[in-house]
């Protein structure tokens, strides 16, 4: 199934290229595109794998990410480093990007998660570099997106190894579907 994923990603990127070219060629534009493209790719994978259960899990994960992010932005009026407004905490771009990346990794495995996490990390990096957020805003957004996906998504197939951390220590969790 992995060999079919890469043409799907290439097709999605080619579809998004005109949108990116129509906008100014900046890191902000790339972050704007990726915050939508990563969750869209995660949802698209549920359709590609004909995974109705995964689709439902994606909806819950995405809704929890958006609701938590908006609730915190409403409750915490933190100014952005560039002074443009007071909606800095948490980073919405980062929470959405990491929700998509974490969902792909949690549901379908690290072979999909690693490149998605790399793109999500770029989103967070660009938000800090362009003075829209500080690192705490981005870290909070990433944690919200990851937590929502880990809460709602379950592995689709095979064996997955997941790092865990808690009050009593750290370890690895082994999951398998039969």
C-alpha atoms as a PDB file:
ATOM      1  CA  UNK A   1       0.000   0.000   0.000  1.00  0.00           C
ATOM      2  CA  UNK A   2       2.922   2.336   0.641  1.00  0.00           C
ATOM      3  CA  UNK A   3       3.911   2.475  -3.041  1.00  0.00           C
ATOM      4  CA  UNK A   4       0.491   3.975  -3.872  1.00  0.00           C
ATOM      5  CA  UNK A   5       0.779   6.694  -1.235  1.00  0.00           C
ATOM      6  CA  UNK A   6       3.615   8.640  -2.856  1.00  0.00           C
ATOM      7  CA  UNK A   7       1.787   9.251  -6.169  1.00  0.00           C
ATOM      8  CA  UNK A   8      -1.201  10.417  -4.092  1.00  0.00           C
ATOM      9  CA  UNK A   9       1.002  12.912  -2.220  1.00  0.00           C
ATOM     10  CA  UNK A  10       2.587  14.079  -5.478  1.00  0.00           C
ATOM     11  CA  UNK A  11      -0.854  14.631  -7.011  1.00  0.00           C
ATOM     12  CA  UNK A  12      -1.991  16.623  -3.968  1.00  0.00           C
ATOM     13  CA  UNK A  13       1.138  18.787  -4.085  1.00  0.00           C
ATOM     14  CA  UNK A  14       0.645  19.422  -7.803  1.00  0.00           C
ATOM     15  CA  UNK A  15      -2.951  20.380  -7.071  1.00  0.00           C
ATOM     16  CA  UNK A  16      -1.809  22.836  -4.387  1.00  0.00           C
ATOM     17  CA  UNK A  17       1.014  24.323  -6.500  1.00  0.00           C
ATOM     18  CA  UNK A  18      -1.175  26.795  -8.440  1.00  0.00           C
ATOM     19  CA  UNK A  19      -2.642  28.038  -5.154  1.00  0.00           C
ATOM     20  CA  UNK A  20       0.860  28.556  -3.805  1.00  0.00           C
ATOM     21  CA  UNK A  21       2.032  30.262  -7.024  1.00  0.00           C
ATOM     22  CA  UNK A  22      -0.982  32.604  -7.008  1.00  0.00           C
ATOM     23  CA  UNK A  23       0.017  33.924  -3.602  1.00  0.00           C
ATOM     24  CA  UNK A  24       3.191  35.739  -2.652  1.00  0.00           C
ATOM     25  CA  UNK A  25       6.154  33.365  -2.563  1.00  0.00           C
ATOM     26  CA  UNK A  26       6.796  33.452   1.178  1.00  0.00           C
ATOM     27  CA  UNK A  27       7.124  31.161   4.163  1.00  0.00           C
ATOM     28  CA  UNK A  28       3.799  32.540   5.377  1.00  0.00           C
ATOM     29  CA  UNK A  29       2.100  31.231   2.246  1.00  0.00           C
ATOM     30  CA  UNK A  30       3.731  27.834   2.649  1.00  0.00           C
ATOM     31  CA  UNK A  31       2.537  27.661   6.271  1.00  0.00           C
ATOM     32  CA  UNK A  32      -0.971  28.716   5.183  1.00  0.00           C
ATOM     33  CA  UNK A  33      -1.064  25.937   2.579  1.00  0.00           C
ATOM     34  CA  UNK A  34       0.440  23.265   4.845  1.00  0.00           C
ATOM     35  CA  UNK A  35      -1.914  23.949   7.747  1.00  0.00           C
ATOM     36  CA  UNK A  36      -4.737  22.874   5.402  1.00  0.00           C
ATOM     37  CA  UNK A  37      -2.825  20.340   3.288  1.00  0.00           C
ATOM     38  CA  UNK A  38      -1.660  18.137   6.171  1.00  0.00           C
ATOM     39  CA  UNK A  39      -5.134  17.572   7.667  1.00  0.00           C
ATOM     40  CA  UNK A  40      -6.525  17.219   4.128  1.00  0.00           C
ATOM     41  CA  UNK A  41      -3.906  14.554   3.360  1.00  0.00           C
ATOM     42  CA  UNK A  42      -4.763  12.740   6.606  1.00  0.00           C
ATOM     43  CA  UNK A  43      -8.449  12.741   5.713  1.00  0.00           C
ATOM     44  CA  UNK A  44      -7.590  11.747   2.131  1.00  0.00           C
ATOM     45  CA  UNK A  45      -5.715   8.726   3.441  1.00  0.00           C
ATOM     46  CA  UNK A  46      -8.861   7.537   5.205  1.00  0.00           C
ATOM     47  CA  UNK A  47     -10.628   7.652   1.836  1.00  0.00           C
ATOM     48  CA  UNK A  48      -7.706   6.057  -0.007  1.00  0.00           C
ATOM     49  CA  UNK A  49      -7.585   3.124   2.423  1.00  0.00           C
ATOM     50  CA  UNK A  50     -11.416   2.900   2.445  1.00  0.00           C
ATOM     51  CA  UNK A  51     -11.191   3.389   6.206  1.00  0.00           C
ATOM     52  CA  UNK A  52     -14.578   4.608   7.448  1.00  0.00           C
ATOM     53  CA  UNK A  53     -13.603   4.116  11.093  1.00  0.00           C
ATOM     54  CA  UNK A  54     -10.451   6.166  10.508  1.00  0.00           C
ATOM     55  CA  UNK A  55     -12.510   8.866   8.846  1.00  0.00           C
ATOM     56  CA  UNK A  56     -14.688   9.163  11.949  1.00  0.00           C
ATOM     57  CA  UNK A  57     -11.608   9.225  14.158  1.00  0.00           C
ATOM     58  CA  UNK A  58     -10.152  11.969  11.959  1.00  0.00           C
ATOM     59  CA  UNK A  59     -13.312  14.098  12.332  1.00  0.00           C
ATOM     60  CA  UNK A  60     -13.219  13.825  16.117  1.00  0.00           C
ATOM     61  CA  UNK A  61      -9.503  14.565  16.240  1.00  0.00           C
ATOM     62  CA  UNK A  62      -9.778  17.555  13.914  1.00  0.00           C
ATOM     63  CA  UNK A  63     -12.820  18.975  15.726  1.00  0.00           C
ATOM     64  CA  UNK A  64     -11.118  18.608  19.115  1.00  0.00           C
ATOM     65  CA  UNK A  65      -8.008  20.357  17.794  1.00  0.00           C
ATOM     66  CA  UNK A  66      -9.929  23.294  16.331  1.00  0.00           C
ATOM     67  CA  UNK A  67     -12.240  23.647  19.356  1.00  0.00           C
ATOM     68  CA  UNK A  68      -9.376  23.530  21.861  1.00  0.00           C
ATOM     69  CA  UNK A  69      -7.287  25.986  19.873  1.00  0.00           C
ATOM     70  CA  UNK A  70     -10.143  28.469  19.475  1.00  0.00           C
ATOM     71  CA  UNK A  71     -11.183  28.149  23.134  1.00  0.00           C
ATOM     72  CA  UNK A  72      -7.647  28.898  24.297  1.00  0.00           C
ATOM     73  CA  UNK A  73      -7.270  31.818  21.871  1.00  0.00           C
ATOM     74  CA  UNK A  74     -10.534  33.244  23.222  1.00  0.00           C
ATOM     75  CA  UNK A  75      -9.595  32.747  26.875  1.00  0.00           C
ATOM     76  CA  UNK A  76      -5.935  33.809  26.644  1.00  0.00           C
ATOM     77  CA  UNK A  77      -5.346  37.126  24.941  1.00  0.00           C
ATOM     78  CA  UNK A  78      -1.606  36.914  24.260  1.00  0.00           C
ATOM     79  CA  UNK A  79      -0.082  39.503  21.948  1.00  0.00           C
ATOM     80  CA  UNK A  80       1.798  38.334  18.891  1.00  0.00           C
ATOM     81  CA  UNK A  81       5.502  39.219  18.667  1.00  0.00           C
ATOM     82  CA  UNK A  82       4.779  41.352  15.579  1.00  0.00           C
ATOM     83  CA  UNK A  83       2.035  43.237  17.469  1.00  0.00           C
ATOM     84  CA  UNK A  84      -0.654  42.469  14.871  1.00  0.00           C
ATOM     85  CA  UNK A  85      -3.280  41.159  17.352  1.00  0.00           C
ATOM     86  CA  UNK A  86      -3.775  39.302  20.633  1.00  0.00           C
ATOM     87  CA  UNK A  87      -4.525  35.795  19.312  1.00  0.00           C
ATOM     88  CA  UNK A  88      -1.038  34.324  19.586  1.00  0.00           C
ATOM     89  CA  UNK A  89      -1.626  31.475  22.040  1.00  0.00           C
ATOM     90  CA  UNK A  90      -1.736  28.724  20.852  1.00  0.00           C
ATOM     91  CA  UNK A  91      -0.639  28.658  17.223  1.00  0.00           C
ATOM     92  CA  UNK A  92      -3.598  27.571  15.106  1.00  0.00           C
ATOM     93  CA  UNK A  93      -1.430  26.891  12.064  1.00  0.00           C
ATOM     94  CA  UNK A  94       0.743  24.576  14.125  1.00  0.00           C
ATOM     95  CA  UNK A  95      -2.111  22.787  15.895  1.00  0.00           C
ATOM     96  CA  UNK A  96      -3.808  21.971  12.583  1.00  0.00           C
ATOM     97  CA  UNK A  97      -0.565  20.893  10.881  1.00  0.00           C
ATOM     98  CA  UNK A  98       0.445  18.638  13.767  1.00  0.00           C
ATOM     99  CA  UNK A  99      -3.060  17.178  14.025  1.00  0.00           C
ATOM    100  CA  UNK A 100      -2.769  16.000  10.428  1.00  0.00           C
ATOM    101  CA  UNK A 101       0.772  14.701  10.893  1.00  0.00           C
ATOM    102  CA  UNK A 102       0.019  12.923  14.157  1.00  0.00           C
ATOM    103  CA  UNK A 103      -3.140  11.363  12.732  1.00  0.00           C
ATOM    104  CA  UNK A 104      -1.212   9.931   9.763  1.00  0.00           C
ATOM    105  CA  UNK A 105       1.485   8.572  12.057  1.00  0.00           C
ATOM    106  CA  UNK A 106      -0.869   7.176  14.686  1.00  0.00           C
ATOM    107  CA  UNK A 107      -3.351   5.611  12.266  1.00  0.00           C
ATOM    108  CA  UNK A 108      -1.123   4.487   9.386  1.00  0.00           C
ATOM    109  CA  UNK A 109       2.428   4.334  10.756  1.00  0.00           C
ATOM    110  CA  UNK A 110       5.726   6.135  10.905  1.00  0.00           C
ATOM    111  CA  UNK A 111       6.409   5.778   7.166  1.00  0.00           C
ATOM    112  CA  UNK A 112       3.691   8.411   6.676  1.00  0.00           C
ATOM    113  CA  UNK A 113       4.258  10.257   9.932  1.00  0.00           C
ATOM    114  CA  UNK A 114       7.923  11.168   9.496  1.00  0.00           C
ATOM    115  CA  UNK A 115       7.510  13.302   6.351  1.00  0.00           C
ATOM    116  CA  UNK A 116       4.274  14.777   7.727  1.00  0.00           C
ATOM    117  CA  UNK A 117       5.950  15.704  11.019  1.00  0.00           C
ATOM    118  CA  UNK A 118       8.800  17.308   9.060  1.00  0.00           C
ATOM    119  CA  UNK A 119       6.309  19.508   7.185  1.00  0.00           C
ATOM    120  CA  UNK A 120       4.417  20.339  10.387  1.00  0.00           C
ATOM    121  CA  UNK A 121       7.698  21.297  12.054  1.00  0.00           C
ATOM    122  CA  UNK A 122       8.394  23.639   9.152  1.00  0.00           C
ATOM    123  CA  UNK A 123       5.012  25.300   9.763  1.00  0.00           C
ATOM    124  CA  UNK A 124       5.926  25.936  13.406  1.00  0.00           C
ATOM    125  CA  UNK A 125       9.409  27.129  12.477  1.00  0.00           C
ATOM    126  CA  UNK A 126       8.050  29.603   9.930  1.00  0.00           C
ATOM    127  CA  UNK A 127       5.510  31.001  12.401  1.00  0.00           C
ATOM    128  CA  UNK A 128       8.297  31.788  14.887  1.00  0.00           C
ATOM    129  CA  UNK A 129      10.749  33.011  12.230  1.00  0.00           C
ATOM    130  CA  UNK A 130       8.190  35.462  10.821  1.00  0.00           C
ATOM    131  CA  UNK A 131       7.282  36.839  14.290  1.00  0.00           C
ATOM    132  CA  UNK A 132       3.699  35.571  14.330  1.00  0.00           C
ATOM    133  CA  UNK A 133       4.384  33.415  17.417  1.00  0.00           C
ATOM    134  CA  UNK A 134       7.011  32.605  19.971  1.00  0.00           C
ATOM    135  CA  UNK A 135       8.174  29.057  20.626  1.00  0.00           C
ATOM    136  CA  UNK A 136       5.664  28.522  23.485  1.00  0.00           C
ATOM    137  CA  UNK A 137       2.740  29.309  21.172  1.00  0.00           C
ATOM    138  CA  UNK A 138       4.030  26.828  18.592  1.00  0.00           C
ATOM    139  CA  UNK A 139       4.811  24.131  21.159  1.00  0.00           C
ATOM    140  CA  UNK A 140       1.311  24.438  22.648  1.00  0.00           C
ATOM    141  CA  UNK A 141      -0.254  24.196  19.181  1.00  0.00           C
ATOM    142  CA  UNK A 142       1.813  21.122  18.337  1.00  0.00           C
ATOM    143  CA  UNK A 143       0.873  19.427  21.613  1.00  0.00           C
ATOM    144  CA  UNK A 144      -2.835  20.128  21.070  1.00  0.00           C
ATOM    145  CA  UNK A 145      -2.781  18.598  17.571  1.00  0.00           C
ATOM    146  CA  UNK A 146      -0.756  15.571  18.656  1.00  0.00           C
ATOM    147  CA  UNK A 147      -2.837  14.964  21.792  1.00  0.00           C
ATOM    148  CA  UNK A 148      -6.130  15.083  19.872  1.00  0.00           C
ATOM    149  CA  UNK A 149      -4.883  12.585  17.300  1.00  0.00           C
ATOM    150  CA  UNK A 150      -3.470  10.260  19.923  1.00  0.00           C
ATOM    151  CA  UNK A 151      -6.694  10.477  21.912  1.00  0.00           C
ATOM    152  CA  UNK A 152      -9.044   9.638  19.035  1.00  0.00           C
ATOM    153  CA  UNK A 153      -7.024   7.674  16.467  1.00  0.00           C
ATOM    154  CA  UNK A 154      -6.136   4.003  16.766  1.00  0.00           C
ATOM    155  CA  UNK A 155      -3.661   2.090  14.591  1.00  0.00           C
ATOM    156  CA  UNK A 156      -5.231   0.845  11.353  1.00  0.00           C
ATOM    157  CA  UNK A 157      -3.134  -2.276  10.828  1.00  0.00           C
ATOM    158  CA  UNK A 158       0.031  -4.050  11.772  1.00  0.00           C
ATOM    159  CA  UNK A 159       2.210  -3.443  14.796  1.00  0.00           C
ATOM    160  CA  UNK A 160       2.993   0.039  16.041  1.00  0.00           C
ATOM    161  CA  UNK A 161       5.485   1.129  18.664  1.00  0.00           C
ATOM    162  CA  UNK A 162       4.684   4.419  20.382  1.00  0.00           C
ATOM    163  CA  UNK A 163       6.872   6.308  22.854  1.00  0.00           C
ATOM    164  CA  UNK A 164       5.068   7.120  26.116  1.00  0.00           C
ATOM    165  CA  UNK A 165       5.815   9.403  29.037  1.00  0.00           C
ATOM    166  CA  UNK A 166       4.068   9.817  32.348  1.00  0.00           C
ATOM    167  CA  UNK A 167       4.547  10.699  35.979  1.00  0.00           C
ATOM    168  CA  UNK A 168       6.086   7.299  36.741  1.00  0.00           C
ATOM    169  CA  UNK A 169       8.536   7.250  33.826  1.00  0.00           C
ATOM    170  CA  UNK A 170       8.940   6.768  30.101  1.00  0.00           C
ATOM    171  CA  UNK A 171       8.607   3.713  27.908  1.00  0.00           C
ATOM    172  CA  UNK A 172       7.311   2.209  24.708  1.00  0.00           C
ATOM    173  CA  UNK A 173       3.788   1.015  23.985  1.00  0.00           C
ATOM    174  CA  UNK A 174       3.305  -1.875  21.558  1.00  0.00           C
ATOM    175  CA  UNK A 175      -0.022  -2.006  19.661  1.00  0.00           C
ATOM    176  CA  UNK A 176      -1.200  -4.623  17.191  1.00  0.00           C
ATOM    177  CA  UNK A 177      -4.428  -5.273  15.296  1.00  0.00           C
ATOM    178  CA  UNK A 178      -5.216  -8.868  14.350  1.00  0.00           C
END
